[in-house]
Amino acid sequence: MARAMEQSYLPPGICKDEIFVSPIAASVELLRELDVPPAILFTGSLDCLKEEGFCYAQNLTKSGKEVTFHEFEGGTHGFSVKPQEGSAEAQIMYEECWARICHSLRDAFS
C-alpha cells in the first residue's frame, strides 16, 4: 500500500527519504537548527501513517519545538479532509479536528 502511494505522489527519481518529502526523516539535531513553526499534528487510531505522525511529533518535542499532538480514536487516514458519509462519529471527529485547528490559529494570530 505504501509503495503504491509513493508511486502515485512522487515522480521518478525523487528520494522518499528527503525531509521535504517525509519530515520524519529529519533528525532531532537538524530540527533543533531549523526555524520550524509551532506544529499541530492529528492522526487517527486507524490511520496507516499514525506511527509516522507520532514519531514526528516526538522528534519535534525532543528538539524543543512547540507541538500539539492528538490521536482521534477510530479515525482513518484523511478523516480530517472529509467525514465518512452517514457516520455520526466521523462527523464529530471531523468537526472537533477543525475546531482545534481554528483554535490554534486564533491563538497564534491574536
PDB file of N, CA and C in Angstrom:
ATOM      1  N   MET A   1       0.825  -1.193   0.000  1.00  0.00           N
ATOM      2  CA  MET A   1       0.000   0.000   0.000  1.00  0.00           C
ATOM      3  C   MET A   1       0.872   1.260   0.000  1.00  0.00           C
ATOM      4  N   ALA A   2       1.867   1.285   0.902  1.00  0.00           N
ATOM      5  CA  ALA A   2       2.739   2.456   0.977  1.00  0.00           C
ATOM      6  C   ALA A   2       3.483   2.662  -0.339  1.00  0.00           C
ATOM      7  N   ARG A   3       3.929   1.569  -0.957  1.00  0.00           N
ATOM      8  CA  ARG A   3       4.651   1.675  -2.231  1.00  0.00           C
ATOM      9  C   ARG A   3       3.745   2.276  -3.317  1.00  0.00           C
ATOM     10  N   ALA A   4       2.495   1.834  -3.361  1.00  0.00           N
ATOM     11  CA  ALA A   4       1.550   2.364  -4.347  1.00  0.00           C
ATOM     12  C   ALA A   4       1.314   3.854  -4.117  1.00  0.00           C
ATOM     13  N   MET A   5       1.218   4.254  -2.859  1.00  0.00           N
ATOM     14  CA  MET A   5       1.026   5.672  -2.545  1.00  0.00           C
ATOM     15  C   MET A   5       2.238   6.486  -2.990  1.00  0.00           C
ATOM     16  N   GLU A   6       3.448   5.972  -2.684  1.00  0.00           N
ATOM     17  CA  GLU A   6       4.664   6.677  -3.084  1.00  0.00           C
ATOM     18  C   GLU A   6       4.716   6.851  -4.592  1.00  0.00           C
ATOM     19  N   GLN A   7       4.411   5.795  -5.328  1.00  0.00           N
ATOM     20  CA  GLN A   7       4.462   5.860  -6.790  1.00  0.00           C
ATOM     21  C   GLN A   7       3.417   6.828  -7.342  1.00  0.00           C
ATOM     22  N   SER A   8       2.315   6.982  -6.635  1.00  0.00           N
ATOM     23  CA  SER A   8       1.263   7.895  -7.081  1.00  0.00           C
ATOM     24  C   SER A   8       1.636   9.355  -6.860  1.00  0.00           C
ATOM     25  N   TYR A   9       2.382   9.629  -5.796  1.00  0.00           N
ATOM     26  CA  TYR A   9       2.663  11.004  -5.417  1.00  0.00           C
ATOM     27  C   TYR A   9       4.048  11.500  -5.798  1.00  0.00           C
ATOM     28  N   LEU A  10       5.023  10.603  -5.873  1.00  0.00           N
ATOM     29  CA  LEU A  10       6.397  11.024  -6.125  1.00  0.00           C
ATOM     30  C   LEU A  10       6.818  10.724  -7.555  1.00  0.00           C
ATOM     31  N   PRO A  11       7.327  11.727  -8.252  1.00  0.00           N
ATOM     32  CA  PRO A  11       7.817  11.459  -9.596  1.00  0.00           C
ATOM     33  C   PRO A  11       9.074  10.587  -9.539  1.00  0.00           C
ATOM     34  N   PRO A  12       9.383   9.901 -10.622  1.00  0.00           N
ATOM     35  CA  PRO A  12      10.593   9.071 -10.651  1.00  0.00           C
ATOM     36  C   PRO A  12      11.831   9.905 -10.320  1.00  0.00           C
ATOM     37  N   GLY A  13      12.735   9.319  -9.559  1.00  0.00           N
ATOM     38  CA  GLY A  13      13.984   9.989  -9.217  1.00  0.00           C
ATOM     39  C   GLY A  13      13.946  10.796  -7.939  1.00  0.00           C
ATOM     40  N   ILE A  14      12.787  10.974  -7.349  1.00  0.00           N
ATOM     41  CA  ILE A  14      12.686  11.722  -6.091  1.00  0.00           C
ATOM     42  C   ILE A  14      12.859  10.741  -4.939  1.00  0.00           C
ATOM     43  N   CYS A  15      13.772  11.074  -4.045  1.00  0.00           N
ATOM     44  CA  CYS A  15      14.061  10.195  -2.905  1.00  0.00           C
ATOM     45  C   CYS A  15      12.998  10.380  -1.829  1.00  0.00           C
ATOM     46  N   LYS A  16      12.377   9.289  -1.437  1.00  0.00           N
ATOM     47  CA  LYS A  16      11.308   9.360  -0.433  1.00  0.00           C
ATOM     48  C   LYS A  16      11.830   9.711   0.954  1.00  0.00           C
ATOM     49  N   ASP A  17      13.148   9.633   1.153  1.00  0.00           N
ATOM     50  CA  ASP A  17      13.726   9.910   2.464  1.00  0.00           C
ATOM     51  C   ASP A  17      14.174  11.360   2.635  1.00  0.00           C
ATOM     52  N   GLU A  18      13.902  12.215   1.661  1.00  0.00           N
ATOM     53  CA  GLU A  18      14.227  13.634   1.790  1.00  0.00           C
ATOM     54  C   GLU A  18      13.283  14.261   2.818  1.00  0.00           C
ATOM     55  N   ILE A  19      13.800  15.178   3.622  1.00  0.00           N
ATOM     56  CA  ILE A  19      12.966  15.764   4.684  1.00  0.00           C
ATOM     57  C   ILE A  19      11.805  16.580   4.130  1.00  0.00           C
ATOM     58  N   PHE A  20      11.913  17.057   2.898  1.00  0.00           N
ATOM     59  CA  PHE A  20      10.813  17.831   2.321  1.00  0.00           C
ATOM     60  C   PHE A  20       9.710  16.930   1.785  1.00  0.00           C
ATOM     61  N   VAL A  21      10.025  15.661   1.607  1.00  0.00           N
ATOM     62  CA  VAL A  21       9.038  14.665   1.193  1.00  0.00           C
ATOM     63  C   VAL A  21       8.460  13.989   2.422  1.00  0.00           C
ATOM     64  N   SER A  22       9.341  13.650   3.344  1.00  0.00           N
ATOM     65  CA  SER A  22       8.951  12.949   4.562  1.00  0.00           C
ATOM     66  C   SER A  22       9.615  13.622   5.760  1.00  0.00           C
ATOM     67  N   PRO A  23       8.919  14.521   6.437  1.00  0.00           N
ATOM     68  CA  PRO A  23       9.519  15.245   7.567  1.00  0.00           C
ATOM     69  C   PRO A  23      10.061  14.337   8.667  1.00  0.00           C
ATOM     70  N   ILE A  24       9.547  13.114   8.762  1.00  0.00           N
ATOM     71  CA  ILE A  24      10.032  12.176   9.778  1.00  0.00           C
ATOM     72  C   ILE A  24      11.509  11.859   9.569  1.00  0.00           C
ATOM     73  N   ALA A  25      12.014  12.090   8.349  1.00  0.00           N
ATOM     74  CA  ALA A  25      13.423  11.815   8.047  1.00  0.00           C
ATOM     75  C   ALA A  25      14.356  12.837   8.693  1.00  0.00           C
ATOM     76  N   ALA A  26      13.832  13.958   9.145  1.00  0.00           N
ATOM     77  CA  ALA A  26      14.666  14.985   9.781  1.00  0.00           C
ATOM     78  C   ALA A  26      15.066  14.533  11.181  1.00  0.00           C
ATOM     79  N   SER A  27      16.350  14.558  11.445  1.00  0.00           N
ATOM     80  CA  SER A  27      16.841  14.162  12.772  1.00  0.00           C
ATOM     81  C   SER A  27      16.479  15.232  13.801  1.00  0.00           C
ATOM     82  N   VAL A  28      16.513  14.845  15.062  1.00  0.00           N
ATOM     83  CA  VAL A  28      16.257  15.788  16.151  1.00  0.00           C
ATOM     84  C   VAL A  28      17.279  16.920  16.088  1.00  0.00           C
ATOM     85  N   GLU A  29      18.536  16.578  15.795  1.00  0.00           N
ATOM     86  CA  GLU A  29      19.596  17.588  15.714  1.00  0.00           C
ATOM     87  C   GLU A  29      19.295  18.608  14.612  1.00  0.00           C
ATOM     88  N   LEU A  30      18.866  18.130  13.452  1.00  0.00           N
ATOM     89  CA  LEU A  30      18.529  19.038  12.358  1.00  0.00           C
ATOM     90  C   LEU A  30      17.319  19.895  12.718  1.00  0.00           C
ATOM     91  N   LEU A  31      16.320  19.297  13.330  1.00  0.00           N
ATOM     92  CA  LEU A  31      15.133  20.060  13.726  1.00  0.00           C
ATOM     93  C   LEU A  31      15.490  21.173  14.704  1.00  0.00           C
ATOM     94  N   ARG A  32      16.473  20.927  15.575  1.00  0.00           N
ATOM     95  CA  ARG A  32      16.916  21.968  16.515  1.00  0.00           C
ATOM     96  C   ARG A  32      17.447  23.184  15.766  1.00  0.00           C
ATOM     97  N   GLU A  33      18.126  22.940  14.645  1.00  0.00           N
ATOM     98  CA  GLU A  33      18.749  24.020  13.878  1.00  0.00           C
ATOM     99  C   GLU A  33      17.757  24.770  12.990  1.00  0.00           C
ATOM    100  N   LEU A  34      16.681  24.118  12.608  1.00  0.00           N
ATOM    101  CA  LEU A  34      15.720  24.722  11.690  1.00  0.00           C
ATOM    102  C   LEU A  34      14.749  25.641  12.421  1.00  0.00           C
ATOM    103  N   ASP A  35      14.271  26.640  11.716  1.00  0.00           N
ATOM    104  CA  ASP A  35      13.270  27.554  12.266  1.00  0.00           C
ATOM    105  C   ASP A  35      11.889  26.977  11.956  1.00  0.00           C
ATOM    106  N   VAL A  36      11.532  25.952  12.713  1.00  0.00           N
ATOM    107  CA  VAL A  36      10.269  25.245  12.493  1.00  0.00           C
ATOM    108  C   VAL A  36       9.165  25.942  13.292  1.00  0.00           C
ATOM    109  N   PRO A  37       8.070  26.315  12.641  1.00  0.00           N
ATOM    110  CA  PRO A  37       6.982  26.972  13.375  1.00  0.00           C
ATOM    111  C   PRO A  37       6.267  25.978  14.291  1.00  0.00           C
ATOM    112  N   PRO A  38       5.489  26.481  15.234  1.00  0.00           N
ATOM    113  CA  PRO A  38       4.698  25.568  16.068  1.00  0.00           C
ATOM    114  C   PRO A  38       3.861  24.651  15.178  1.00  0.00           C
ATOM    115  N   ALA A  39       3.733  23.410  15.600  1.00  0.00           N
ATOM    116  CA  ALA A  39       3.031  22.413  14.783  1.00  0.00           C
ATOM    117  C   ALA A  39       1.840  21.848  15.532  1.00  0.00           C
ATOM    118  N   ILE A  40       0.819  21.530  14.777  1.00  0.00           N
ATOM    119  CA  ILE A  40      -0.330  20.812  15.312  1.00  0.00           C
ATOM    120  C   ILE A  40      -0.495  19.583  14.427  1.00  0.00           C
ATOM    121  N   LEU A  41      -0.434  18.412  15.052  1.00  0.00           N
ATOM    122  CA  LEU A  41      -0.495  17.153  14.310  1.00  0.00           C
ATOM    123  C   LEU A  41      -1.632  16.306  14.836  1.00  0.00           C
ATOM    124  N   PHE A  42      -2.437  15.807  13.919  1.00  0.00           N
ATOM    125  CA  PHE A  42      -3.532  14.908  14.264  1.00  0.00           C
ATOM    126  C   PHE A  42      -3.378  13.621  13.478  1.00  0.00           C
ATOM    127  N   THR A  43      -3.636  12.515  14.143  1.00  0.00           N
ATOM    128  CA  THR A  43      -3.708  11.225  13.461  1.00  0.00           C
ATOM    129  C   THR A  43      -4.983  10.538  13.911  1.00  0.00           C
ATOM    130  N   GLY A  44      -5.364   9.536  13.171  1.00  0.00           N
ATOM    131  CA  GLY A  44      -6.473   8.680  13.569  1.00  0.00           C
ATOM    132  C   GLY A  44      -5.905   7.361  14.064  1.00  0.00           C
ATOM    133  N   SER A  45      -6.571   6.746  15.008  1.00  0.00           N
ATOM    134  CA  SER A  45      -6.062   5.478  15.550  1.00  0.00           C
ATOM    135  C   SER A  45      -6.033   4.378  14.497  1.00  0.00           C
ATOM    136  N   LEU A  46      -6.801   4.530  13.414  1.00  0.00           N
ATOM    137  CA  LEU A  46      -6.824   3.537  12.337  1.00  0.00           C
ATOM    138  C   LEU A  46      -6.044   4.010  11.107  1.00  0.00           C
ATOM    139  N   ASP A  47      -5.325   5.100  11.220  1.00  0.00           N
ATOM    140  CA  ASP A  47      -4.555   5.660  10.108  1.00  0.00           C
ATOM    141  C   ASP A  47      -3.318   4.805   9.855  1.00  0.00           C
ATOM    142  N   CYS A  48      -3.100   4.439   8.606  1.00  0.00           N
ATOM    143  CA  CYS A  48      -1.931   3.621   8.265  1.00  0.00           C
ATOM    144  C   CYS A  48      -0.624   4.381   8.483  1.00  0.00           C
ATOM    145  N   LEU A  49      -0.680   5.699   8.629  1.00  0.00           N
ATOM    146  CA  LEU A  49       0.525   6.502   8.846  1.00  0.00           C
ATOM    147  C   LEU A  49       0.596   7.097  10.253  1.00  0.00           C
ATOM    148  N   LYS A  50      -0.186   6.563  11.181  1.00  0.00           N
ATOM    149  CA  LYS A  50      -0.235   7.165  12.522  1.00  0.00           C
ATOM    150  C   LYS A  50       1.102   7.092  13.245  1.00  0.00           C
ATOM    151  N   GLU A  51       1.850   6.017  13.063  1.00  0.00           N
ATOM    152  CA  GLU A  51       3.145   5.889  13.743  1.00  0.00           C
ATOM    153  C   GLU A  51       4.111   6.967  13.271  1.00  0.00           C
ATOM    154  N   GLU A  52       4.106   7.259  11.974  1.00  0.00           N
ATOM    155  CA  GLU A  52       4.969   8.308  11.448  1.00  0.00           C
ATOM    156  C   GLU A  52       4.602   9.665  12.038  1.00  0.00           C
ATOM    157  N   GLY A  53       3.312   9.938  12.148  1.00  0.00           N
ATOM    158  CA  GLY A  53       2.873  11.197  12.742  1.00  0.00           C
ATOM    159  C   GLY A  53       3.286  11.315  14.194  1.00  0.00           C
ATOM    160  N   PHE A  54       3.132  10.227  14.937  1.00  0.00           N
ATOM    161  CA  PHE A  54       3.511  10.221  16.351  1.00  0.00           C
ATOM    162  C   PHE A  54       5.019  10.420  16.498  1.00  0.00           C
ATOM    163  N   CYS A  55       5.808   9.721  15.682  1.00  0.00           N
ATOM    164  CA  CYS A  55       7.273   9.850  15.750  1.00  0.00           C
ATOM    165  C   CYS A  55       7.720  11.265  15.398  1.00  0.00           C
ATOM    166  N   TYR A  56       7.086  11.871  14.400  1.00  0.00           N
ATOM    167  CA  TYR A  56       7.438  13.244  14.035  1.00  0.00           C
ATOM    168  C   TYR A  56       7.119  14.196  15.188  1.00  0.00           C
ATOM    169  N   ALA A  57       5.981  14.014  15.824  1.00  0.00           N
ATOM    170  CA  ALA A  57       5.625  14.846  16.982  1.00  0.00           C
ATOM    171  C   ALA A  57       6.652  14.674  18.098  1.00  0.00           C
ATOM    172  N   GLN A  58       7.080  13.439  18.337  1.00  0.00           N
ATOM    173  CA  GLN A  58       8.108  13.188  19.358  1.00  0.00           C
ATOM    174  C   GLN A  58       9.418  13.879  19.001  1.00  0.00           C
ATOM    175  N   ASN A  59       9.824  13.782  17.730  1.00  0.00           N
ATOM    176  CA  ASN A  59      11.071  14.425  17.306  1.00  0.00           C
ATOM    177  C   ASN A  59      10.999  15.938  17.460  1.00  0.00           C
ATOM    178  N   LEU A  60       9.861  16.525  17.134  1.00  0.00           N
ATOM    179  CA  LEU A  60       9.695  17.965  17.328  1.00  0.00           C
ATOM    180  C   LEU A  60       9.816  18.326  18.804  1.00  0.00           C
ATOM    181  N   THR A  61       9.174  17.541  19.658  1.00  0.00           N
ATOM    182  CA  THR A  61       9.237  17.791  21.098  1.00  0.00           C
ATOM    183  C   THR A  61      10.668  17.668  21.605  1.00  0.00           C
ATOM    184  N   LYS A  62      11.359  16.607  21.201  1.00  0.00           N
ATOM    185  CA  LYS A  62      12.751  16.391  21.625  1.00  0.00           C
ATOM    186  C   LYS A  62      13.666  17.516  21.155  1.00  0.00           C
ATOM    187  N   SER A  63      13.329  18.132  20.033  1.00  0.00           N
ATOM    188  CA  SER A  63      14.167  19.208  19.502  1.00  0.00           C
ATOM    189  C   SER A  63      13.817  20.567  20.115  1.00  0.00           C
ATOM    190  N   GLY A  64      12.844  20.570  21.019  1.00  0.00           N
ATOM    191  CA  GLY A  64      12.472  21.808  21.697  1.00  0.00           C
ATOM    192  C   GLY A  64      11.440  22.644  20.962  1.00  0.00           C
ATOM    193  N   LYS A  65      10.844  22.085  19.930  1.00  0.00           N
ATOM    194  CA  LYS A  65       9.832  22.817  19.169  1.00  0.00           C
ATOM    195  C   LYS A  65       8.460  22.652  19.822  1.00  0.00           C
ATOM    196  N   GLU A  66       7.618  23.643  19.615  1.00  0.00           N
ATOM    197  CA  GLU A  66       6.261  23.594  20.159  1.00  0.00           C
ATOM    198  C   GLU A  66       5.401  22.705  19.270  1.00  0.00           C
ATOM    199  N   VAL A  67       4.752  21.719  19.871  1.00  0.00           N
ATOM    200  CA  VAL A  67       3.919  20.805  19.093  1.00  0.00           C
ATOM    201  C   VAL A  67       2.703  20.393  19.904  1.00  0.00           C
ATOM    202  N   THR A  68       1.574  20.337  19.235  1.00  0.00           N
ATOM    203  CA  THR A  68       0.347  19.793  19.805  1.00  0.00           C
ATOM    204  C   THR A  68       0.018  18.551  19.003  1.00  0.00           C
ATOM    205  N   PHE A  69      -0.157  17.430  19.686  1.00  0.00           N
ATOM    206  CA  PHE A  69      -0.455  16.167  19.013  1.00  0.00           C
ATOM    207  C   PHE A  69      -1.715  15.570  19.618  1.00  0.00           C
ATOM    208  N   HIS A  70      -2.580  15.061  18.758  1.00  0.00           N
ATOM    209  CA  HIS A  70      -3.781  14.377  19.243  1.00  0.00           C
ATOM    210  C   HIS A  70      -4.120  13.242  18.290  1.00  0.00           C
ATOM    211  N   GLU A  71      -4.395  12.075  18.867  1.00  0.00           N
ATOM    212  CA  GLU A  71      -4.844  10.942  18.065  1.00  0.00           C
ATOM    213  C   GLU A  71      -6.341  10.765  18.280  1.00  0.00           C
ATOM    214  N   PHE A  72      -7.086  10.763  17.187  1.00  0.00           N
ATOM    215  CA  PHE A  72      -8.533  10.602  17.242  1.00  0.00           C
ATOM    216  C   PHE A  72      -8.886   9.122  17.173  1.00  0.00           C
ATOM    217  N   GLU A  73      -9.514   8.637  18.213  1.00  0.00           N
ATOM    218  CA  GLU A  73      -9.919   7.225  18.288  1.00  0.00           C
ATOM    219  C   GLU A  73     -10.900   6.905  17.162  1.00  0.00           C
ATOM    220  N   GLY A  74     -10.556   5.895  16.378  1.00  0.00           N
ATOM    221  CA  GLY A  74     -11.422   5.462  15.286  1.00  0.00           C
ATOM    222  C   GLY A  74     -11.205   6.205  13.978  1.00  0.00           C
ATOM    223  N   GLY A  75     -10.315   7.199  13.991  1.00  0.00           N
ATOM    224  CA  GLY A  75     -10.063   7.970  12.776  1.00  0.00           C
ATOM    225  C   GLY A  75      -9.216   7.198  11.778  1.00  0.00           C
ATOM    226  N   THR A  76      -9.567   7.309  10.509  1.00  0.00           N
ATOM    227  CA  THR A  76      -8.792   6.690   9.433  1.00  0.00           C
ATOM    228  C   THR A  76      -7.963   7.775   8.744  1.00  0.00           C
ATOM    229  N   HIS A  77      -7.103   7.366   7.821  1.00  0.00           N
ATOM    230  CA  HIS A  77      -6.301   8.337   7.084  1.00  0.00           C
ATOM    231  C   HIS A  77      -7.236   9.261   6.301  1.00  0.00           C
ATOM    232  N   GLY A  78      -7.043  10.557   6.466  1.00  0.00           N
ATOM    233  CA  GLY A  78      -7.872  11.527   5.760  1.00  0.00           C
ATOM    234  C   GLY A  78      -9.159  11.900   6.464  1.00  0.00           C
ATOM    235  N   PHE A  79      -9.338  11.471   7.708  1.00  0.00           N
ATOM    236  CA  PHE A  79     -10.596  11.764   8.415  1.00  0.00           C
ATOM    237  C   PHE A  79     -10.847  13.257   8.546  1.00  0.00           C
ATOM    238  N   SER A  80      -9.781  14.056   8.539  1.00  0.00           N
ATOM    239  CA  SER A  80      -9.945  15.500   8.710  1.00  0.00           C
ATOM    240  C   SER A  80     -10.262  16.210   7.395  1.00  0.00           C
ATOM    241  N   VAL A  81     -10.185  15.488   6.286  1.00  0.00           N
ATOM    242  CA  VAL A  81     -10.453  16.087   4.981  1.00  0.00           C
ATOM    243  C   VAL A  81     -11.931  15.999   4.634  1.00  0.00           C
ATOM    244  N   LYS A  82     -12.494  14.828   4.862  1.00  0.00           N
ATOM    245  CA  LYS A  82     -13.909  14.625   4.563  1.00  0.00           C
ATOM    246  C   LYS A  82     -14.435  13.508   5.463  1.00  0.00           C
ATOM    247  N   PRO A  83     -15.480  13.789   6.244  1.00  0.00           N
ATOM    248  CA  PRO A  83     -16.022  12.730   7.101  1.00  0.00           C
ATOM    249  C   PRO A  83     -16.688  11.639   6.267  1.00  0.00           C
ATOM    250  N   GLN A  84     -16.715  10.441   6.825  1.00  0.00           N
ATOM    251  CA  GLN A  84     -17.374   9.331   6.142  1.00  0.00           C
ATOM    252  C   GLN A  84     -18.869   9.603   6.084  1.00  0.00           C
ATOM    253  N   GLU A  85     -19.453   9.346   4.938  1.00  0.00           N
ATOM    254  CA  GLU A  85     -20.892   9.552   4.752  1.00  0.00           C
ATOM    255  C   GLU A  85     -21.683   8.683   5.727  1.00  0.00           C
ATOM    256  N   GLY A  86     -22.658   9.271   6.374  1.00  0.00           N
ATOM    257  CA  GLY A  86     -23.560   8.522   7.230  1.00  0.00           C
ATOM    258  C   GLY A  86     -23.004   8.118   8.579  1.00  0.00           C
ATOM    259  N   SER A  87     -21.813   8.591   8.923  1.00  0.00           N
ATOM    260  CA  SER A  87     -21.215   8.224  10.202  1.00  0.00           C
ATOM    261  C   SER A  87     -21.205   9.437  11.128  1.00  0.00           C
ATOM    262  N   ALA A  88     -22.040   9.386  12.157  1.00  0.00           N
ATOM    263  CA  ALA A  88     -22.110  10.495  13.112  1.00  0.00           C
ATOM    264  C   ALA A  88     -20.784  10.658  13.847  1.00  0.00           C
ATOM    265  N   GLU A  89     -20.128   9.533  14.184  1.00  0.00           N
ATOM    266  CA  GLU A  89     -18.848   9.589  14.891  1.00  0.00           C
ATOM    267  C   GLU A  89     -17.785  10.266  14.032  1.00  0.00           C
ATOM    268  N   ALA A  90     -17.763   9.922  12.747  1.00  0.00           N
ATOM    269  CA  ALA A  90     -16.784  10.527  11.838  1.00  0.00           C
ATOM    270  C   ALA A  90     -17.037  12.022  11.694  1.00  0.00           C
ATOM    271  N   GLN A  91     -18.293  12.427  11.654  1.00  0.00           N
ATOM    272  CA  GLN A  91     -18.632  13.848  11.553  1.00  0.00           C
ATOM    273  C   GLN A  91     -18.164  14.591  12.800  1.00  0.00           C
ATOM    274  N   ILE A  92     -18.341  13.982  13.969  1.00  0.00           N
ATOM    275  CA  ILE A  92     -17.902  14.602  15.224  1.00  0.00           C
ATOM    276  C   ILE A  92     -16.388  14.758  15.235  1.00  0.00           C
ATOM    277  N   MET A  93     -15.655  13.706  14.821  1.00  0.00           N
ATOM    278  CA  MET A  93     -14.190  13.778  14.751  1.00  0.00           C
ATOM    279  C   MET A  93     -13.749  14.892  13.815  1.00  0.00           C
ATOM    280  N   TYR A  94     -14.367  14.935  12.648  1.00  0.00           N
ATOM    281  CA  TYR A  94     -14.054  15.948  11.638  1.00  0.00           C
ATOM    282  C   TYR A  94     -14.240  17.351  12.220  1.00  0.00           C
ATOM    283  N   GLU A  95     -15.369  17.582  12.847  1.00  0.00           N
ATOM    284  CA  GLU A  95     -15.666  18.899  13.408  1.00  0.00           C
ATOM    285  C   GLU A  95     -14.731  19.241  14.565  1.00  0.00           C
ATOM    286  N   GLU A  96     -14.434  18.252  15.426  1.00  0.00           N
ATOM    287  CA  GLU A  96     -13.518  18.510  16.544  1.00  0.00           C
ATOM    288  C   GLU A  96     -12.122  18.836  16.035  1.00  0.00           C
ATOM    289  N   CYS A  97     -11.677  18.106  15.038  1.00  0.00           N
ATOM    290  CA  CYS A  97     -10.360  18.354  14.460  1.00  0.00           C
ATOM    291  C   CYS A  97     -10.259  19.787  13.944  1.00  0.00           C
ATOM    292  N   TRP A  98     -11.245  20.214  13.169  1.00  0.00           N
ATOM    293  CA  TRP A  98     -11.214  21.560  12.611  1.00  0.00           C
ATOM    294  C   TRP A  98     -11.416  22.633  13.676  1.00  0.00           C
ATOM    295  N   ALA A  99     -12.163  22.329  14.710  1.00  0.00           N
ATOM    296  CA  ALA A  99     -12.301  23.279  15.819  1.00  0.00           C
ATOM    297  C   ALA A  99     -10.950  23.484  16.502  1.00  0.00           C
ATOM    298  N   ARG A 100     -10.193  22.398  16.665  1.00  0.00           N
ATOM    299  CA  ARG A 100      -8.860  22.505  17.277  1.00  0.00           C
ATOM    300  C   ARG A 100      -7.906  23.296  16.383  1.00  0.00           C
ATOM    301  N   ILE A 101      -7.975  23.057  15.087  1.00  0.00           N
ATOM    302  CA  ILE A 101      -7.123  23.797  14.155  1.00  0.00           C
ATOM    303  C   ILE A 101      -7.456  25.288  14.216  1.00  0.00           C
ATOM    304  N   CYS A 102      -8.733  25.623  14.159  1.00  0.00           N
ATOM    305  CA  CYS A 102      -9.156  27.028  14.215  1.00  0.00           C
ATOM    306  C   CYS A 102      -8.735  27.679  15.524  1.00  0.00           C
ATOM    307  N   HIS A 103      -8.880  26.967  16.621  1.00  0.00           N
ATOM    308  CA  HIS A 103      -8.473  27.486  17.929  1.00  0.00           C
ATOM    309  C   HIS A 103      -6.971  27.781  17.936  1.00  0.00           C
ATOM    310  N   SER A 104      -6.180  26.850  17.410  1.00  0.00           N
ATOM    311  CA  SER A 104      -4.726  27.042  17.365  1.00  0.00           C
ATOM    312  C   SER A 104      -4.351  28.247  16.512  1.00  0.00           C
ATOM    313  N   LEU A 105      -5.012  28.398  15.377  1.00  0.00           N
ATOM    314  CA  LEU A 105      -4.721  29.541  14.509  1.00  0.00           C
ATOM    315  C   LEU A 105      -5.135  30.859  15.156  1.00  0.00           C
ATOM    316  N   ARG A 106      -6.278  30.863  15.822  1.00  0.00           N
ATOM    317  CA  ARG A 106      -6.703  32.086  16.523  1.00  0.00           C
ATOM    318  C   ARG A 106      -5.682  32.464  17.588  1.00  0.00           C
ATOM    319  N   ASP A 107      -5.220  31.466  18.350  1.00  0.00           N
ATOM    320  CA  ASP A 107      -4.212  31.729  19.382  1.00  0.00           C
ATOM    321  C   ASP A 107      -2.917  32.265  18.771  1.00  0.00           C
ATOM    322  N   ALA A 108      -2.510  31.673  17.657  1.00  0.00           N
ATOM    323  CA  ALA A 108      -1.248  32.059  17.031  1.00  0.00           C
ATOM    324  C   ALA A 108      -1.283  33.474  16.463  1.00  0.00           C
ATOM    325  N   PHE A 109      -2.440  33.895  15.965  1.00  0.00           N
ATOM    326  CA  PHE A 109      -2.519  35.186  15.290  1.00  0.00           C
ATOM    327  C   PHE A 109      -3.227  36.268  16.097  1.00  0.00           C
ATOM    328  N   SER A 110      -3.493  36.007  17.370  1.00  0.00           N
ATOM    329  CA  SER A 110      -4.158  37.050  18.169  1.00  0.00           C
ATOM    330  C   SER A 110      -3.162  37.804  19.021  1.00  0.00           C
TER     331      SER A 110
END
